[in-house]
Amino acid sequence: MPESTLLNELVACAAERWPERPALSHGQSTLSYAQLQALVSRWAQGLAHLGVARGERVAIYLDKRPEAVIASFGAPAAGAVFVPLNPLLKPEQVGHILRDCGVRVLLTTPERLGPLVGELARCPDLRHVVLTHGEGQAPVPVHAWAELLDAPARAGHRVIDTDLAAILYTSGSTGRPKGVVLSHRNLVAGAKSVAGYLGNHAGDTLLAALPLSFDAGFSQLTTAFHSGARVVLLNYLLPRDVLKALERERITGLTAVPPLYLQLAQLEWPAAVNEHLRYFANTGGHLPRATLDALRARVPAAKPFLMYGLTEAFRSTYLPPEELDRRPDSMGRAIPNAEILVLREDGSECGPDEPGELVHRGALVSQGYWNDPVRTAERFKPLPAGVGGREAGLPLPEIAVFSGDTVRRDAEGFLYFVGRRDEMIKTSGYRVSPGEIEEVLYSGGQVGECVALGVDHELLGQAIEAVVTPPPGADTVDLAALQAHCKTRLPAYMLPQRITVRPGPLPRNPNGKLDRRALAETLR
């Protein structure tokens, strides 16, 4: 049986091994692996028919639907690079990305194309627009999806595992979105690593609830296809829709981010979900202990996996479920085929429980930022000689990514998140992690969502402020009780000086995470 080395081979190898097994479900329709592979090949031929050259970019601006999946695997099969765009992005944001990486082909719907026309006129590299259905007008030729699937066969480009396969744009929390460049090797290695520790197999059904433009969202596809599992695409409107899908599709694996889990934990779960949900995994931020406990009570048979990752390295650590009760606040150890170091400012390794920067080395480390050598050089660097137990003078063939996250490692090798360097609050001479404050705010059960922020203060440097929403079923927050709860759990320098109550939900960035930057601007 051939081994996958290219992204598109995850589908091709599964189709050879399990041709009739269901691969992808959306609504009432399901594609087998053989059918999915045939469509991936036909889309690759369609791109070749358009004259797409090796390494050129193909943008996908769709909600979760089969065409988005087919295009994501078919573009790399044609030697091109796919660029998934979050469907929540506005036209100006889409235009920035199209121009930034010189997109040649855009796949979208007529409904999404209309508002984009003005931006497309400002994209000099764009040559073609492809619509999933219907008709539309654009400054460049417009093609039908079905037309390209029926294009005559043409010789494709030779592809190897170090070729570029995808550019994922970050949420832009520190400015304009930046494109993280991923090779075939990055994506395939990530699929095998994650599927390994999650124990994914051909009998699994995974729910794709996260955006496919988000690394953890796209991972639902790659881990499933590597394992021969089925993926269910879900564009949900309400958290209750997720629970209905879990029950209806007999989902065995769910991966989500804390804001979604916060909402799911407040709902009653169908009893049947506990019969088939094998695991639930958290990524994209710290899951409050109270929320984790509530989820475990809802589905006691499911194993919780707490994970940490960054787009620049896909996934870095996970906490094995059997360690959860011993160390519920840990982000675990390195995933398979990755090395995780904790380094001081001078590049030397930190001692036990000494805070330092998390640094990731291995096959999952991306190629850098698209067309941005300065920021790439800041984050992607070779390790100092002698670091990580290697002798000085030995060549280090791979670059490590410096995460910008502060962590500590205990004496047994388990890692704990301290905070983002650009989110750390500096107050009264102390460096305070907002996550630690938020954990206390959540633990009292008096808020629905919350964010702790540092706001400029003449005397303190920064004052701590919190923005909270009422708990489910309530119209307001008992501020006196909340402040009293905080005083029992936090030292004086960590107490919020002001708590602002807002109606929920709090603003989120396109990847579904709470938008700290927007809230900070509001407070200013």
Foldseek 3Di string as FASTA:
>chain_A
DDDDLFQLVLLVVLCVVFVQAWAEAEDPDTHGSVRLNLLLQLLLQLVVVVVDDAAAEEEEQEADDSVSVSCLSSQVVQNYAYEYDQNVDALVLVLVVCQQRLHAEYEYAQVRVVRNQVSQVVRVSYAEYEHQDDDHDHPHHYYYSVVSSPDDGDDGDDDGQQRWHYWQWDLQLPHRTWTFTATRLLLLVVLVLVCVLVVDALDAEEEQAFGCSDLVSVSSNSVCSNHNYYYYYDDDDDLVVVLVCCQVVLHQEEEDEQVSLLRVLVDQHDLCSLVRHAAYEYEDDDHFPVSVVSVCVRRVNHQYKYFYDDPQQSGFAIAGSVCCVVCVQFNHAGTPFKDWFFAAPVQAGDDAPDKGWIKIWGSNGTPATRPCVVVRPVFWAAHAACHPNHHGPDDDPTIIGTDQWIWGAHPVGIIGGQARNVQFAQWQNDTHHQVVLQSQLVVVVAFSHKTWGWAQDPPTRTAIEMETEGHPPDHWGPVVVSQVSSPVPDDPRPRHPYYHYDHDDADDGSRRHHSPSVVRVVVD
